[in-house]
PDB file of all heavy atoms in Angstrom:
ATOM      1  N   PRO A   1       4.570  10.910   5.949  1.00  0.00           N
ATOM      2  CA  PRO A   1       4.547  10.414   7.309  1.00  0.00           C
ATOM      3  C   PRO A   1       4.692  11.604   8.241  1.00  0.00           C
ATOM      4  O   PRO A   1       5.279  12.570   8.075  1.00  0.00           O
ATOM      5  CB  PRO A   1       5.790   9.543   7.423  1.00  0.00           C
ATOM      6  CG  PRO A   1       6.009   9.052   5.897  1.00  0.00           C
ATOM      7  CD  PRO A   1       5.579  10.348   5.076  1.00  0.00           C
ATOM      8  N   SER A   2       4.078  11.502   9.369  1.00  0.00           N
ATOM      9  CA  SER A   2       4.181  12.439  10.558  1.00  0.00           C
ATOM     10  C   SER A   2       4.092  11.770  11.872  1.00  0.00           C
ATOM     11  O   SER A   2       3.933  10.481  11.843  1.00  0.00           O
ATOM     12  CB  SER A   2       3.101  13.539  10.383  1.00  0.00           C
ATOM     13  OG  SER A   2       1.776  12.877  10.557  1.00  0.00           O
ATOM     14  N   SER A   3       4.022  12.528  12.878  1.00  0.00           N
ATOM     15  CA  SER A   3       3.906  11.947  14.258  1.00  0.00           C
ATOM     16  C   SER A   3       2.508  11.191  14.353  1.00  0.00           C
ATOM     17  O   SER A   3       2.362  10.306  15.316  1.00  0.00           O
ATOM     18  CB  SER A   3       4.012  12.924  15.364  1.00  0.00           C
ATOM     19  OG  SER A   3       3.082  13.878  15.217  1.00  0.00           O
ATOM     20  N   SER A   4       1.508  11.558  13.588  1.00  0.00           N
ATOM     21  CA  SER A   4       0.266  10.760  13.665  1.00  0.00           C
ATOM     22  C   SER A   4       0.126   9.694  12.765  1.00  0.00           C
ATOM     23  O   SER A   4      -0.860   9.078  12.734  1.00  0.00           O
ATOM     24  CB  SER A   4      -0.897  11.849  13.389  1.00  0.00           C
ATOM     25  OG  SER A   4      -0.729  12.297  11.997  1.00  0.00           O
ATOM     26  N   THR A   5       1.263   9.303  12.031  1.00  0.00           N
ATOM     27  CA  THR A   5       1.152   8.232  11.160  1.00  0.00           C
ATOM     28  C   THR A   5       1.340   6.855  11.939  1.00  0.00           C
ATOM     29  O   THR A   5       2.147   6.655  12.701  1.00  0.00           O
ATOM     30  CB  THR A   5       2.389   8.291  10.171  1.00  0.00           C
ATOM     31  OG1 THR A   5       2.204   9.448   9.292  1.00  0.00           O
ATOM     32  CG2 THR A   5       2.302   7.149   9.142  1.00  0.00           C
ATOM     33  N   LEU A   6       0.360   5.938  11.587  1.00  0.00           N
ATOM     34  CA  LEU A   6       0.374   4.672  12.196  1.00  0.00           C
ATOM     35  C   LEU A   6       1.048   3.633  11.311  1.00  0.00           C
ATOM     36  O   LEU A   6       1.897   2.894  11.726  1.00  0.00           O
ATOM     37  CB  LEU A   6      -0.989   4.102  12.624  1.00  0.00           C
ATOM     38  CG  LEU A   6      -1.181   2.730  13.271  1.00  0.00           C
ATOM     39  CD1 LEU A   6      -0.528   2.794  14.586  1.00  0.00           C
ATOM     40  CD2 LEU A   6      -2.572   2.299  13.390  1.00  0.00           C
ATOM     41  N   LEU A   7       0.681   3.634  10.026  1.00  0.00           N
ATOM     42  CA  LEU A   7       1.194   2.801   9.064  1.00  0.00           C
ATOM     43  C   LEU A   7       1.758   3.481   7.869  1.00  0.00           C
ATOM     44  O   LEU A   7       1.263   4.400   7.428  1.00  0.00           O
ATOM     45  CB  LEU A   7       0.149   1.826   8.406  1.00  0.00           C
ATOM     46  CG  LEU A   7       0.491   0.711   7.556  1.00  0.00           C
ATOM     47  CD1 LEU A   7       1.287  -0.442   8.355  1.00  0.00           C
ATOM     48  CD2 LEU A   7      -0.736   0.159   6.739  1.00  0.00           C
ATOM     49  N   ASP A   8       3.074   3.097   7.509  1.00  0.00           N
ATOM     50  CA  ASP A   8       3.781   3.798   6.410  1.00  0.00           C
ATOM     51  C   ASP A   8       4.273   2.626   5.469  1.00  0.00           C
ATOM     52  O   ASP A   8       5.119   1.942   5.745  1.00  0.00           O
ATOM     53  CB  ASP A   8       4.930   4.609   7.044  1.00  0.00           C
ATOM     54  CG  ASP A   8       5.652   5.238   5.923  1.00  0.00           C
ATOM     55  OD1 ASP A   8       5.260   5.360   4.799  1.00  0.00           O
ATOM     56  OD2 ASP A   8       6.756   5.962   6.310  1.00  0.00           O
ATOM     57  N   VAL A   9       3.530   2.603   4.349  1.00  0.00           N
ATOM     58  CA  VAL A   9       3.967   1.596   3.297  1.00  0.00           C
ATOM     59  C   VAL A   9       4.920   2.254   2.261  1.00  0.00           C
ATOM     60  O   VAL A   9       4.445   3.349   1.733  1.00  0.00           O
ATOM     61  CB  VAL A   9       2.653   1.088   2.559  1.00  0.00           C
ATOM     62  CG1 VAL A   9       3.065   0.135   1.448  1.00  0.00           C
ATOM     63  CG2 VAL A   9       1.756   0.360   3.600  1.00  0.00           C
ATOM     64  N   GLN A  10       6.070   1.767   2.193  1.00  0.00           N
ATOM     65  CA  GLN A  10       7.123   2.468   1.405  1.00  0.00           C
ATOM     66  C   GLN A  10       7.610   1.612   0.161  1.00  0.00           C
ATOM     67  O   GLN A  10       8.356   0.673   0.351  1.00  0.00           O
ATOM     68  CB  GLN A  10       8.282   2.733   2.315  1.00  0.00           C
ATOM     69  CG  GLN A  10       7.972   3.650   3.536  1.00  0.00           C
ATOM     70  CD  GLN A  10       9.279   3.841   4.360  1.00  0.00           C
ATOM     71  OE1 GLN A  10      10.187   3.146   4.322  1.00  0.00           O
ATOM     72  NE2 GLN A  10       9.130   4.966   5.264  1.00  0.00           N
ATOM     73  N   ASN A  11       7.226   2.068  -0.955  1.00  0.00           N
ATOM     74  CA  ASN A  11       7.743   1.400  -2.299  1.00  0.00           C
ATOM     75  C   ASN A  11       7.694  -0.152  -2.241  1.00  0.00           C
ATOM     76  O   ASN A  11       8.651  -0.673  -2.648  1.00  0.00           O
ATOM     77  CB  ASN A  11       9.078   2.094  -2.486  1.00  0.00           C
ATOM     78  CG  ASN A  11       9.165   3.525  -2.656  1.00  0.00           C
ATOM     79  OD1 ASN A  11       8.322   4.142  -3.537  1.00  0.00           O
ATOM     80  ND2 ASN A  11       9.981   4.147  -1.986  1.00  0.00           N
ATOM     81  N   VAL A  12       6.710  -0.610  -1.922  1.00  0.00           N
ATOM     82  CA  VAL A  12       6.539  -2.092  -1.728  1.00  0.00           C
ATOM     83  C   VAL A  12       6.356  -2.827  -3.127  1.00  0.00           C
ATOM     84  O   VAL A  12       5.503  -2.370  -3.956  1.00  0.00           O
ATOM     85  CB  VAL A  12       5.413  -2.618  -0.870  1.00  0.00           C
ATOM     86  CG1 VAL A  12       5.245  -4.104  -0.981  1.00  0.00           C
ATOM     87  CG2 VAL A  12       5.672  -2.082   0.628  1.00  0.00           C
ATOM     88  N   VAL A  13       7.324  -3.768  -3.345  1.00  0.00           N
ATOM     89  CA  VAL A  13       7.322  -4.465  -4.642  1.00  0.00           C
ATOM     90  C   VAL A  13       7.144  -5.993  -4.239  1.00  0.00           C
ATOM     91  O   VAL A  13       7.877  -6.538  -3.426  1.00  0.00           O
ATOM     92  CB  VAL A  13       8.622  -4.234  -5.434  1.00  0.00           C
ATOM     93  CG1 VAL A  13       8.632  -5.109  -6.667  1.00  0.00           C
ATOM     94  CG2 VAL A  13       8.712  -2.844  -5.871  1.00  0.00           C
ATOM     95  N   VAL A  14       6.201  -6.569  -4.981  1.00  0.00           N
ATOM     96  CA  VAL A  14       6.019  -8.126  -4.784  1.00  0.00           C
ATOM     97  C   VAL A  14       5.847  -8.726  -6.148  1.00  0.00           C
ATOM     98  O   VAL A  14       5.086  -8.196  -6.947  1.00  0.00           O
ATOM     99  CB  VAL A  14       4.722  -8.380  -3.924  1.00  0.00           C
ATOM    100  CG1 VAL A  14       4.593  -9.867  -3.782  1.00  0.00           C
ATOM    101  CG2 VAL A  14       4.884  -7.808  -2.503  1.00  0.00           C
ATOM    102  N   THR A  15       6.682  -9.687  -6.372  1.00  0.00           N
ATOM    103  CA  THR A  15       6.498 -10.444  -7.646  1.00  0.00           C
ATOM    104  C   THR A  15       6.306 -11.977  -7.419  1.00  0.00           C
ATOM    105  O   THR A  15       6.752 -12.500  -6.342  1.00  0.00           O
ATOM    106  CB  THR A  15       7.821 -10.225  -8.491  1.00  0.00           C
ATOM    107  OG1 THR A  15       8.991 -10.733  -7.830  1.00  0.00           O
ATOM    108  CG2 THR A  15       8.019  -8.724  -8.898  1.00  0.00           C
ATOM    109  N   PHE A  16       5.607 -12.633  -8.278  1.00  0.00           N
ATOM    110  CA  PHE A  16       5.370 -13.992  -8.241  1.00  0.00           C
ATOM    111  C   PHE A  16       5.809 -14.496  -9.668  1.00  0.00           C
ATOM    112  O   PHE A  16       5.195 -14.466 -10.631  1.00  0.00           O
ATOM    113  CB  PHE A  16       3.932 -14.432  -8.035  1.00  0.00           C
ATOM    114  CG  PHE A  16       3.476 -13.880  -6.717  1.00  0.00           C
ATOM    115  CD1 PHE A  16       2.490 -12.824  -6.731  1.00  0.00           C
ATOM    116  CD2 PHE A  16       3.805 -14.397  -5.537  1.00  0.00           C
ATOM    117  CE1 PHE A  16       1.991 -12.379  -5.588  1.00  0.00           C
ATOM    118  CE2 PHE A  16       3.189 -13.992  -4.322  1.00  0.00           C
ATOM    119  CZ  PHE A  16       2.425 -12.796  -4.331  1.00  0.00           C
ATOM    120  N   GLY A  17       7.065 -15.172  -9.678  1.00  0.00           N
ATOM    121  CA  GLY A  17       7.640 -15.511 -10.893  1.00  0.00           C
ATOM    122  C   GLY A  17       7.821 -14.213 -11.733  1.00  0.00           C
ATOM    123  O   GLY A  17       8.562 -13.193 -11.348  1.00  0.00           O
ATOM    124  N   GLY A  18       7.238 -14.098 -12.986  1.00  0.00           N
ATOM    125  CA  GLY A  18       7.380 -13.013 -13.911  1.00  0.00           C
ATOM    126  C   GLY A  18       6.200 -11.956 -13.632  1.00  0.00           C
ATOM    127  O   GLY A  18       6.158 -11.002 -14.405  1.00  0.00           O
ATOM    128  N   ILE A  19       5.310 -12.239 -12.690  1.00  0.00           N
ATOM    129  CA  ILE A  19       4.152 -11.348 -12.558  1.00  0.00           C
ATOM    130  C   ILE A  19       4.397 -10.432 -11.528  1.00  0.00           C
ATOM    131  O   ILE A  19       4.884 -10.830 -10.355  1.00  0.00           O
ATOM    132  CB  ILE A  19       2.943 -12.179 -12.204  1.00  0.00           C
ATOM    133  CG1 ILE A  19       2.593 -13.149 -13.262  1.00  0.00           C
ATOM    134  CG2 ILE A  19       1.685 -11.284 -11.881  1.00  0.00           C
ATOM    135  CD1 ILE A  19       1.499 -14.120 -13.006  1.00  0.00           C
ATOM    136  N   VAL A  20       4.244  -9.119 -11.776  1.00  0.00           N
ATOM    137  CA  VAL A  20       4.380  -8.046 -10.752  1.00  0.00           C
ATOM    138  C   VAL A  20       3.183  -7.846 -10.054  1.00  0.00           C
ATOM    139  O   VAL A  20       2.191  -7.283 -10.717  1.00  0.00           O
ATOM    140  CB  VAL A  20       4.984  -6.715 -11.291  1.00  0.00           C
ATOM    141  CG1 VAL A  20       5.054  -5.695 -10.261  1.00  0.00           C
ATOM    142  CG2 VAL A  20       6.340  -6.956 -12.073  1.00  0.00           C
ATOM    143  N   ALA A  21       2.900  -8.175  -8.850  1.00  0.00           N
ATOM    144  CA  ALA A  21       1.744  -8.113  -8.094  1.00  0.00           C
ATOM    145  C   ALA A  21       1.530  -6.638  -7.378  1.00  0.00           C
ATOM    146  O   ALA A  21       0.539  -6.024  -7.395  1.00  0.00           O
ATOM    147  CB  ALA A  21       1.565  -9.078  -6.984  1.00  0.00           C
ATOM    148  N   LEU A  22       2.716  -6.160  -6.955  1.00  0.00           N
ATOM    149  CA  LEU A  22       2.700  -4.766  -6.411  1.00  0.00           C
ATOM    150  C   LEU A  22       3.989  -4.119  -6.960  1.00  0.00           C
ATOM    151  O   LEU A  22       5.050  -4.655  -6.908  1.00  0.00           O
ATOM    152  CB  LEU A  22       2.800  -4.733  -4.864  1.00  0.00           C
ATOM    153  CG  LEU A  22       1.481  -5.253  -4.114  1.00  0.00           C
ATOM    154  CD1 LEU A  22       1.810  -5.349  -2.563  1.00  0.00           C
ATOM    155  CD2 LEU A  22       0.320  -4.380  -4.437  1.00  0.00           C
ATOM    156  N   ASP A  23       3.764  -3.021  -7.431  1.00  0.00           N
ATOM    157  CA  ASP A  23       4.932  -2.188  -8.180  1.00  0.00           C
ATOM    158  C   ASP A  23       5.225  -0.853  -7.523  1.00  0.00           C
ATOM    159  O   ASP A  23       4.706   0.107  -8.059  1.00  0.00           O
ATOM    160  CB  ASP A  23       4.487  -2.119  -9.650  1.00  0.00           C
ATOM    161  CG  ASP A  23       5.646  -1.624 -10.562  1.00  0.00           C
ATOM    162  OD1 ASP A  23       6.695  -1.428  -9.980  1.00  0.00           O
ATOM    163  OD2 ASP A  23       5.316  -1.282 -11.706  1.00  0.00           O
ATOM    164  N   GLY A  24       5.891  -0.902  -6.415  1.00  0.00           N
ATOM    165  CA  GLY A  24       6.333   0.325  -5.721  1.00  0.00           C
ATOM    166  C   GLY A  24       5.286   1.058  -5.138  1.00  0.00           C
ATOM    167  O   GLY A  24       5.130   2.330  -5.112  1.00  0.00           O
ATOM    168  N   VAL A  25       4.337   0.340  -4.432  1.00  0.00           N
ATOM    169  CA  VAL A  25       3.117   0.975  -3.788  1.00  0.00           C
ATOM    170  C   VAL A  25       3.636   1.646  -2.396  1.00  0.00           C
ATOM    171  O   VAL A  25       4.289   1.155  -1.694  1.00  0.00           O
ATOM    172  CB  VAL A  25       2.066  -0.009  -3.452  1.00  0.00           C
ATOM    173  CG1 VAL A  25       0.909   0.630  -2.708  1.00  0.00           C
ATOM    174  CG2 VAL A  25       1.534  -0.632  -4.824  1.00  0.00           C
ATOM    175  N   SER A  26       3.148   2.985  -2.248  1.00  0.00           N
ATOM    176  CA  SER A  26       3.459   3.729  -1.164  1.00  0.00           C
ATOM    177  C   SER A  26       2.201   4.424  -0.705  1.00  0.00           C
ATOM    178  O   SER A  26       1.497   5.000  -1.527  1.00  0.00           O
ATOM    179  CB  SER A  26       4.571   4.705  -1.323  1.00  0.00           C
ATOM    180  OG  SER A  26       5.777   4.170  -1.700  1.00  0.00           O
ATOM    181  N   PHE A  27       1.967   4.483   0.602  1.00  0.00           N
ATOM    182  CA  PHE A  27       0.897   5.308   1.239  1.00  0.00           C
ATOM    183  C   PHE A  27       1.095   5.317   2.770  1.00  0.00           C
ATOM    184  O   PHE A  27       1.788   4.447   3.142  1.00  0.00           O
ATOM    185  CB  PHE A  27      -0.478   4.995   0.703  1.00  0.00           C
ATOM    186  CG  PHE A  27      -0.852   3.541   1.219  1.00  0.00           C
ATOM    187  CD1 PHE A  27      -1.624   3.380   2.387  1.00  0.00           C
ATOM    188  CD2 PHE A  27      -0.721   2.497   0.407  1.00  0.00           C
ATOM    189  CE1 PHE A  27      -1.902   2.050   2.763  1.00  0.00           C
ATOM    190  CE2 PHE A  27      -1.102   1.244   0.730  1.00  0.00           C
ATOM    191  CZ  PHE A  27      -1.643   1.079   2.014  1.00  0.00           C
ATOM    192  N   VAL A  28       0.603   6.231   3.327  1.00  0.00           N
ATOM    193  CA  VAL A  28       0.462   6.206   4.857  1.00  0.00           C
ATOM    194  C   VAL A  28      -0.889   6.243   5.340  1.00  0.00           C
ATOM    195  O   VAL A  28      -1.896   6.793   4.678  1.00  0.00           O
ATOM    196  CB  VAL A  28       1.299   7.427   5.371  1.00  0.00           C
ATOM    197  CG1 VAL A  28       2.728   7.343   4.928  1.00  0.00           C
ATOM    198  CG2 VAL A  28       0.658   8.765   5.045  1.00  0.00           C
ATOM    199  N   ILE A  29      -1.144   5.880   6.586  1.00  0.00           N
ATOM    200  CA  ILE A  29      -2.461   5.887   7.279  1.00  0.00           C
ATOM    201  C   ILE A  29      -2.317   6.603   8.554  1.00  0.00           C
ATOM    202  O   ILE A  29      -1.471   6.254   9.434  1.00  0.00           O
ATOM    203  CB  ILE A  29      -3.024   4.500   7.420  1.00  0.00           C
ATOM    204  CG1 ILE A  29      -3.133   3.719   6.077  1.00  0.00           C
ATOM    205  CG2 ILE A  29      -4.452   4.677   8.160  1.00  0.00           C
ATOM    206  CD1 ILE A  29      -3.635   2.352   6.420  1.00  0.00           C
ATOM    207  N   ALA A  30      -3.025   7.650   8.758  1.00  0.00           N
ATOM    208  CA  ALA A  30      -3.049   8.423  10.113  1.00  0.00           C
ATOM    209  C   ALA A  30      -3.848   7.610  11.135  1.00  0.00           C
ATOM    210  O   ALA A  30      -4.798   6.928  10.849  1.00  0.00           O
ATOM    211  CB  ALA A  30      -3.486   9.778   9.907  1.00  0.00           C
ATOM    212  N   LYS A  31      -3.402   7.823  12.390  1.00  0.00           N
ATOM    213  CA  LYS A  31      -3.884   7.232  13.435  1.00  0.00           C
ATOM    214  C   LYS A  31      -5.454   7.637  13.578  1.00  0.00           C
ATOM    215  O   LYS A  31      -5.570   8.895  13.474  1.00  0.00           O
ATOM    216  CB  LYS A  31      -3.226   7.414  14.753  1.00  0.00           C
ATOM    217  CG  LYS A  31      -1.897   6.928  14.813  1.00  0.00           C
ATOM    218  CD  LYS A  31      -1.053   7.220  16.122  1.00  0.00           C
ATOM    219  CE  LYS A  31       0.333   6.714  16.199  1.00  0.00           C
ATOM    220  NZ  LYS A  31       1.049   7.023  17.417  1.00  0.00           N
ATOM    221  N   GLY A  32      -6.281   6.752  13.780  1.00  0.00           N
ATOM    222  CA  GLY A  32      -7.777   7.127  13.938  1.00  0.00           C
ATOM    223  C   GLY A  32      -8.514   7.244  12.743  1.00  0.00           C
ATOM    224  O   GLY A  32      -9.661   7.605  12.743  1.00  0.00           O
ATOM    225  N   HIS A  33      -7.996   7.046  11.518  1.00  0.00           N
ATOM    226  CA  HIS A  33      -8.588   7.144  10.227  1.00  0.00           C
ATOM    227  C   HIS A  33      -9.211   5.900   9.760  1.00  0.00           C
ATOM    228  O   HIS A  33      -8.633   4.813  10.158  1.00  0.00           O
ATOM    229  CB  HIS A  33      -7.608   7.616   9.147  1.00  0.00           C
ATOM    230  CG  HIS A  33      -7.390   9.091   9.003  1.00  0.00           C
ATOM    231  ND1 HIS A  33      -6.868   9.727   7.965  1.00  0.00           N
ATOM    232  CD2 HIS A  33      -7.717  10.146  10.028  1.00  0.00           C
ATOM    233  CE1 HIS A  33      -7.014  11.111   8.145  1.00  0.00           C
ATOM    234  NE2 HIS A  33      -7.473  11.258   9.364  1.00  0.00           N
ATOM    235  N   VAL A  34     -10.118   5.865   9.044  1.00  0.00           N
ATOM    236  CA  VAL A  34     -10.580   4.877   8.173  1.00  0.00           C
ATOM    237  C   VAL A  34     -10.131   5.096   6.883  1.00  0.00           C
ATOM    238  O   VAL A  34     -10.556   6.098   6.143  1.00  0.00           O
ATOM    239  CB  VAL A  34     -12.187   4.703   8.187  1.00  0.00           C
ATOM    240  CG1 VAL A  34     -12.595   3.561   7.305  1.00  0.00           C
ATOM    241  CG2 VAL A  34     -12.728   4.417   9.636  1.00  0.00           C
ATOM    242  N   GLN A  35      -9.379   4.125   6.303  1.00  0.00           N
ATOM    243  CA  GLN A  35      -8.778   4.345   4.953  1.00  0.00           C
ATOM    244  C   GLN A  35      -9.199   3.178   4.103  1.00  0.00           C
ATOM    245  O   GLN A  35      -9.113   2.084   4.341  1.00  0.00           O
ATOM    246  CB  GLN A  35      -7.189   4.336   4.926  1.00  0.00           C
ATOM    247  CG  GLN A  35      -6.562   4.610   3.589  1.00  0.00           C
ATOM    248  CD  GLN A  35      -5.408   5.518   3.727  1.00  0.00           C
ATOM    249  OE1 GLN A  35      -5.463   6.472   4.523  1.00  0.00           O
ATOM    250  NE2 GLN A  35      -4.361   5.307   2.914  1.00  0.00           N
ATOM    251  N   GLY A  36      -9.775   3.540   2.972  1.00  0.00           N
ATOM    252  CA  GLY A  36     -10.244   2.603   1.945  1.00  0.00           C
ATOM    253  C   GLY A  36      -9.071   2.326   1.014  1.00  0.00           C
ATOM    254  O   GLY A  36      -8.299   3.075   0.631  1.00  0.00           O
ATOM    255  N   LEU A  37      -9.137   0.956   0.521  1.00  0.00           N
ATOM    256  CA  LEU A  37      -8.186   0.498  -0.454  1.00  0.00           C
ATOM    257  C   LEU A  37      -9.004  -0.107  -1.627  1.00  0.00           C
ATOM    258  O   LEU A  37      -9.665  -1.089  -1.374  1.00  0.00           O
ATOM    259  CB  LEU A  37      -7.176  -0.409  -0.017  1.00  0.00           C
ATOM    260  CG  LEU A  37      -6.113  -1.042  -0.954  1.00  0.00           C
ATOM    261  CD1 LEU A  37      -5.297  -0.076  -1.434  1.00  0.00           C
ATOM    262  CD2 LEU A  37      -5.464  -2.211  -0.194  1.00  0.00           C
ATOM    263  N   ILE A  38      -9.089   0.379  -2.749  1.00  0.00           N
ATOM    264  CA  ILE A  38      -9.897   0.038  -3.875  1.00  0.00           C
ATOM    265  C   ILE A  38      -9.061  -0.397  -5.138  1.00  0.00           C
ATOM    266  O   ILE A  38      -7.889   0.039  -5.201  1.00  0.00           O
ATOM    267  CB  ILE A  38     -11.024   1.001  -4.218  1.00  0.00           C
ATOM    268  CG1 ILE A  38     -10.336   2.292  -4.906  1.00  0.00           C
ATOM    269  CG2 ILE A  38     -11.852   1.260  -3.049  1.00  0.00           C
ATOM    270  CD1 ILE A  38     -11.355   3.285  -5.518  1.00  0.00           C
ATOM    271  N   GLY A  39      -9.676  -1.196  -5.961  1.00  0.00           N
ATOM    272  CA  GLY A  39      -9.042  -1.508  -7.258  1.00  0.00           C
ATOM    273  C   GLY A  39      -9.884  -2.656  -7.818  1.00  0.00           C
ATOM    274  O   GLY A  39     -10.493  -3.561  -7.180  1.00  0.00           O
ATOM    275  N   PRO A  40      -9.663  -2.913  -9.160  1.00  0.00           N
ATOM    276  CA  PRO A  40     -10.391  -3.983  -9.846  1.00  0.00           C
ATOM    277  C   PRO A  40      -9.828  -5.335  -9.214  1.00  0.00           C
ATOM    278  O   PRO A  40      -8.793  -5.463  -8.574  1.00  0.00           O
ATOM    279  CB  PRO A  40     -10.170  -3.811 -11.279  1.00  0.00           C
ATOM    280  CG  PRO A  40      -9.644  -2.416 -11.436  1.00  0.00           C
ATOM    281  CD  PRO A  40      -8.960  -2.109 -10.046  1.00  0.00           C
ATOM    282  N   ASN A  41     -10.520  -6.439  -9.604  1.00  0.00           N
ATOM    283  CA  ASN A  41      -9.891  -7.783  -9.238  1.00  0.00           C
ATOM    284  C   ASN A  41      -8.510  -7.870  -9.814  1.00  0.00           C
ATOM    285  O   ASN A  41      -8.310  -7.525 -10.942  1.00  0.00           O
ATOM    286  CB  ASN A  41     -10.873  -8.865  -9.800  1.00  0.00           C
ATOM    287  CG  ASN A  41     -12.185  -9.024  -9.014  1.00  0.00           C
ATOM    288  OD1 ASN A  41     -12.171  -8.606  -7.900  1.00  0.00           O
ATOM    289  ND2 ASN A  41     -13.223  -9.400  -9.664  1.00  0.00           N
ATOM    290  N   GLY A  42      -7.701  -8.436  -8.976  1.00  0.00           N
ATOM    291  CA  GLY A  42      -6.327  -8.551  -9.509  1.00  0.00           C
ATOM    292  C   GLY A  42      -5.428  -7.425  -9.438  1.00  0.00           C
ATOM    293  O   GLY A  42      -4.303  -7.384  -9.903  1.00  0.00           O
ATOM    294  N   ALA A  43      -5.912  -6.429  -8.918  1.00  0.00           N
ATOM    295  CA  ALA A  43      -5.043  -5.046  -8.710  1.00  0.00           C
ATOM    296  C   ALA A  43      -4.036  -5.199  -7.731  1.00  0.00           C
ATOM    297  O   ALA A  43      -3.065  -4.382  -7.771  1.00  0.00           O
ATOM    298  CB  ALA A  43      -6.098  -3.886  -8.316  1.00  0.00           C
ATOM    299  N   GLY A  44      -4.033  -6.043  -6.803  1.00  0.00           N
ATOM    300  CA  GLY A  44      -3.043  -6.268  -5.778  1.00  0.00           C
ATOM    301  C   GLY A  44      -3.463  -5.947  -4.400  1.00  0.00           C
ATOM    302  O   GLY A  44      -2.532  -5.941  -3.486  1.00  0.00           O
TER     303      GLY A  44
END
């Protein structure tokens, strides 16, 4: 993270029952950037 950071995702965990949908995901997005988020079906 820096002064140009717009979004800061910090160690996000999401579970549904016994299923871990997100397991400590972290990343930042700088202002003015186009950021892609990829992954197979069911990746979260």
